[in-house]
């Protein structure tokens, strides 16, 4: 196994799917992992499996995010890898969407990504190294009917990732954006036995994140798209 170049990681917006797979793969490589979410109760089983530390936070609140990074630094050191997985999902006809709910959805999907990456960059720049990974979706590049709020947030997150990559890359910080173009397999979303691998395996997605983290800086990826092999493109 190639020696892993990072020793600590923070996953914001952690849950039982992709975040759990990524936490397991990171800890298997000896990385100290911190998991952050609004509700940390849902993370207890994963923390028990991996030894990861859990932290309650509101990613859309500046003070909460700043406190999160201070707490994580005290527990495992400044995170060398920061993954932003939080999303604000809201569906409905454009004319019927509640403006306050839309504001909150965009705050979670995009503004929270800014707050988290800002705190991460402040700690990584002095060391001249680190990685910030943003989790996008099909909505990062394509707006669907009745999904305006989600698309606005994910489009903004993609723009943040592109700007951050160009600004922070020369400072030694690898910034990458992942477009998860398809449904992720889970206990709630079972795969049709007649259509094997027609949904995204969270362990396989997590492996793509690991592969990007292993890239040499002479050939860093700024954006990766993953989709099921059955996708018609």
Protein backbone atom coordinates (compact mmCIF):
# COMPACT_ATOMS: atom_id res chain seq x y z
CA UNK A 1 0.00 0.00 0.00
CA UNK A 2 1.30 3.43 -0.96
CA UNK A 3 2.19 5.53 2.07
CA UNK A 4 -0.65 7.92 2.73
CA UNK A 5 0.52 11.56 2.73
CA UNK A 6 -1.88 12.87 5.40
CA UNK A 7 -2.32 12.03 9.07
CA UNK A 8 -5.54 13.82 10.11
CA UNK A 9 -8.89 14.53 8.49
CA UNK A 10 -12.16 16.32 9.18
CA UNK A 11 -15.39 15.35 7.42
CA UNK A 12 -18.13 17.98 7.72
CA UNK A 13 -21.70 16.93 7.07
CA UNK A 14 -20.89 13.35 8.03
CA UNK A 15 -23.50 10.63 7.83
CA UNK A 16 -23.94 6.90 7.22
CA UNK A 17 -23.23 6.88 3.47
CA UNK A 18 -20.23 8.28 1.61
CA UNK A 19 -18.84 9.93 4.75
CA UNK A 20 -18.88 6.61 6.59
CA UNK A 21 -17.09 4.84 3.75
CA UNK A 22 -14.49 7.58 3.60
CA UNK A 23 -13.98 7.54 7.37
CA UNK A 24 -13.39 3.79 7.30
CA UNK A 25 -10.91 4.01 4.44
CA UNK A 26 -9.01 6.89 6.06
CA UNK A 27 -8.76 5.27 9.48
CA UNK A 28 -7.61 2.04 7.83
CA UNK A 29 -4.64 4.07 6.58
CA UNK A 30 -3.83 5.30 10.06
CA UNK A 31 -5.45 8.72 9.64
CA UNK A 32 -7.01 10.33 12.71
CA UNK A 33 -10.54 11.29 11.70
CA UNK A 34 -13.01 13.85 13.05
CA UNK A 35 -16.67 13.70 12.04
CA UNK A 36 -18.86 16.80 12.23
CA UNK A 37 -22.63 17.04 11.88
CA UNK A 38 -25.59 18.84 13.41
CA UNK A 39 -26.76 15.62 15.01
CA UNK A 40 -23.81 13.54 16.26
CA UNK A 41 -26.05 10.81 17.69
CA UNK A 42 -26.29 9.28 14.21
CA UNK A 43 -22.49 8.97 14.16
CA UNK A 44 -22.05 6.92 17.32
CA UNK A 45 -21.90 3.53 15.57
CA UNK A 46 -19.43 4.77 12.97
CA UNK A 47 -17.28 6.38 15.66
CA UNK A 48 -17.24 3.10 17.53
CA UNK A 49 -16.17 1.21 14.41
CA UNK A 50 -13.42 3.61 13.40
CA UNK A 51 -12.31 5.40 16.55
CA UNK A 52 -13.21 8.71 14.91
CA UNK A 53 -14.05 11.68 17.12
CA UNK A 54 -17.43 13.36 16.70
CA UNK A 55 -18.28 17.06 16.90
CA UNK A 56 -21.61 18.88 16.74
CA UNK A 57 -21.62 21.90 14.45
CA UNK A 58 -23.80 24.11 12.28
CA UNK A 59 -21.83 24.49 9.07
CA UNK A 60 -23.74 27.62 8.07
CA UNK A 61 -22.77 29.58 11.19
CA UNK A 62 -19.33 31.26 11.27
CA UNK A 63 -18.86 31.02 15.04
CA UNK A 64 -19.85 27.34 15.06
CA UNK A 65 -17.40 26.49 12.27
CA UNK A 66 -14.55 28.42 13.91
CA UNK A 67 -15.22 26.62 17.20
CA UNK A 68 -15.31 23.28 15.36
CA UNK A 69 -11.80 23.77 13.99
CA UNK A 70 -10.50 24.82 17.41
CA UNK A 71 -12.05 21.74 19.00
CA UNK A 72 -10.76 19.41 16.29
CA UNK A 73 -7.25 20.90 16.58
CA UNK A 74 -7.30 20.20 20.33
CA UNK A 75 -8.45 16.62 19.77
CA UNK A 76 -6.44 15.40 16.76
CA UNK A 77 -4.41 18.40 15.60
CA UNK A 78 -5.18 20.72 12.69
CA UNK A 79 -6.82 18.58 10.00
CA UNK A 80 -4.61 18.04 6.97
CA UNK A 81 -7.60 16.88 4.92
CA UNK A 82 -10.99 18.60 5.09
CA UNK A 83 -13.99 17.16 3.26
CA UNK A 84 -17.20 19.16 2.88
CA UNK A 85 -20.17 16.81 2.42
CA UNK A 86 -23.02 18.94 3.77
CA UNK A 87 -25.96 19.74 1.47
CA UNK A 88 -29.22 21.59 1.78
CA UNK A 89 -31.87 19.71 -0.19
CA UNK A 90 -35.17 21.40 -0.94
CA UNK A 91 -37.66 20.49 -3.66
CA UNK A 92 -40.77 22.15 -4.93
CA UNK A 93 -42.26 24.36 -7.66
CA UNK A 94 -40.41 27.66 -8.01
CA UNK A 95 -43.56 29.66 -7.28
CA UNK A 96 -44.24 27.77 -4.06
CA UNK A 97 -40.80 27.64 -2.44
CA UNK A 98 -40.48 29.35 0.91
CA UNK A 99 -37.75 32.04 0.58
CA UNK A 100 -36.48 31.37 4.08
CA UNK A 101 -36.10 27.65 3.37
CA UNK A 102 -34.29 28.42 0.11
CA UNK A 103 -31.92 30.75 1.94
CA UNK A 104 -31.16 28.03 4.48
CA UNK A 105 -30.61 25.38 1.79
CA UNK A 106 -28.13 27.58 -0.06
CA UNK A 107 -26.43 28.48 3.21
CA UNK A 108 -25.79 24.82 3.98
CA UNK A 109 -24.74 23.77 0.47
CA UNK A 110 -22.56 26.76 -0.42
CA UNK A 111 -21.98 29.28 2.37
CA UNK A 112 -21.07 26.48 4.73
CA UNK A 113 -18.53 25.26 2.19
CA UNK A 114 -16.98 28.72 2.18
CA UNK A 115 -16.83 28.90 5.98
CA UNK A 116 -15.27 25.46 6.29
CA UNK A 117 -12.73 25.97 3.50
CA UNK A 118 -11.79 29.38 4.92
CA UNK A 119 -11.00 27.90 8.32
CA UNK A 120 -9.16 25.00 6.69
CA UNK A 121 -7.06 27.29 4.52
CA UNK A 122 -6.08 29.49 7.47
CA UNK A 123 -4.58 26.44 9.14
CA UNK A 124 -3.08 24.81 6.04
CA UNK A 125 -1.37 27.82 4.45
CA UNK A 126 1.29 28.19 7.20
CA UNK A 127 2.23 24.51 6.67
CA UNK A 128 2.28 24.78 2.88
CA UNK A 129 0.26 21.59 2.45
CA UNK A 130 -3.18 20.06 2.86
CA UNK A 131 -6.26 19.04 0.89
CA UNK A 132 -9.79 20.44 0.75
CA UNK A 133 -12.38 18.27 -0.98
CA UNK A 134 -15.91 19.38 -1.89
CA UNK A 135 -18.73 16.93 -2.60
CA UNK A 136 -20.96 18.01 -5.45
CA UNK A 137 -23.79 16.33 -7.32
CA UNK A 138 -25.44 16.14 -10.72
CA UNK A 139 -27.02 19.44 -9.66
CA UNK A 140 -23.55 21.03 -9.69
CA UNK A 141 -23.71 21.13 -13.49
CA UNK A 142 -27.39 20.63 -14.34
CA UNK A 143 -30.46 22.28 -12.88
CA UNK A 144 -33.59 20.13 -12.77
CA UNK A 145 -37.23 21.17 -12.51
CA UNK A 146 -38.38 21.74 -8.91
CA UNK A 147 -34.78 21.63 -7.70
CA UNK A 148 -33.76 25.28 -7.96
CA UNK A 149 -32.49 25.68 -4.41
CA UNK A 150 -30.31 22.57 -4.58
CA UNK A 151 -28.90 23.57 -7.97
CA UNK A 152 -28.11 27.12 -6.79
CA UNK A 153 -26.23 25.80 -3.80
CA UNK A 154 -24.30 23.17 -5.74
CA UNK A 155 -23.46 25.52 -8.62
CA UNK A 156 -22.07 27.97 -6.06
CA UNK A 157 -20.06 25.26 -4.31
CA UNK A 158 -18.48 24.31 -7.64
CA UNK A 159 -17.51 27.93 -8.26
CA UNK A 160 -15.99 28.13 -4.79
CA UNK A 161 -13.97 24.98 -5.47
CA UNK A 162 -12.63 26.33 -8.75
CA UNK A 163 -11.63 29.66 -7.21
CA UNK A 164 -10.07 28.00 -4.17
CA UNK A 165 -8.11 25.55 -6.31
CA UNK A 166 -6.54 28.35 -8.33
CA UNK A 167 -5.76 30.41 -5.23
CA UNK A 168 -4.58 27.68 -2.89
CA UNK A 169 -2.93 25.24 -5.28
CA UNK A 170 0.22 27.38 -5.61
CA UNK A 171 0.35 27.45 -1.80
CA UNK A 172 0.59 23.65 -1.67
CA UNK A 173 -3.07 22.94 -0.90
CA UNK A 174 -4.88 20.47 -3.15
CA UNK A 175 -8.50 21.52 -3.74
CA UNK A 176 -10.80 19.18 -5.64
CA UNK A 177 -14.52 19.03 -6.40
CA UNK A 178 -16.34 15.71 -6.86
CA UNK A 179 -19.47 15.49 -8.99
CA UNK A 180 -21.46 12.51 -7.73
CA UNK A 181 -23.55 11.94 -10.84
CA UNK A 182 -26.06 9.33 -9.75
CA UNK A 183 -27.85 7.71 -6.84
CA UNK A 184 -25.69 6.40 -4.00
CA UNK A 185 -26.54 2.89 -2.82
CA UNK A 186 -27.70 2.65 0.81
CA UNK A 187 -29.97 0.77 3.19
CA UNK A 188 -32.72 3.18 2.18
CA UNK A 189 -31.90 2.94 -1.53
CA UNK A 190 -31.51 -0.74 -2.35
CA UNK A 191 -30.15 -1.77 -5.72
CA UNK A 192 -32.33 -3.64 -8.21
CA UNK A 193 -30.83 -7.18 -8.45
CA UNK A 194 -31.70 -7.14 -12.15
CA UNK A 195 -29.49 -4.08 -12.66
CA UNK A 196 -26.18 -4.75 -10.87
CA UNK A 197 -24.00 -1.70 -10.18
CA UNK A 198 -26.63 0.68 -11.53
CA UNK A 199 -26.20 2.78 -8.40
CA UNK A 200 -23.01 4.21 -6.97
CA UNK A 201 -21.25 2.10 -4.35
CA UNK A 202 -20.22 4.48 -1.50
CA UNK A 203 -17.04 2.48 -0.90
CA UNK A 204 -16.09 2.90 -4.56
CA UNK A 205 -16.75 6.65 -4.39
CA UNK A 206 -14.63 6.90 -1.25
CA UNK A 207 -11.82 5.10 -3.06
CA UNK A 208 -11.92 7.84 -5.70
CA UNK A 209 -11.40 10.40 -2.95
CA UNK A 210 -8.45 8.40 -1.63
CA UNK A 211 -6.97 8.18 -5.13
CA UNK A 212 -7.15 11.96 -5.52
CA UNK A 213 -5.48 12.46 -2.15
CA UNK A 214 -2.64 10.24 -3.33
CA UNK A 215 -2.01 12.29 -6.48
CA UNK A 216 1.39 13.89 -6.97
CA UNK A 217 1.21 17.67 -7.05
CA UNK A 218 2.58 17.72 -10.60
CA UNK A 219 -0.70 16.13 -11.75
CA UNK A 220 -3.43 17.23 -9.35
CA UNK A 221 -7.07 16.83 -10.39
CA UNK A 222 -9.33 19.80 -9.72
CA UNK A 223 -12.60 18.05 -10.61
CA UNK A 224 -13.67 14.42 -10.74
CA UNK A 225 -16.98 13.01 -11.98
CA UNK A 226 -18.17 9.58 -10.87
CA UNK A 227 -21.22 7.82 -12.29
CA UNK A 228 -22.52 4.26 -12.70
CA UNK A 229 -21.23 2.34 -15.69
CA UNK A 230 -24.82 2.01 -16.96
CA UNK A 231 -25.12 5.79 -17.33
CA UNK A 232 -25.82 6.74 -20.96
CA UNK A 233 -23.83 10.01 -20.72
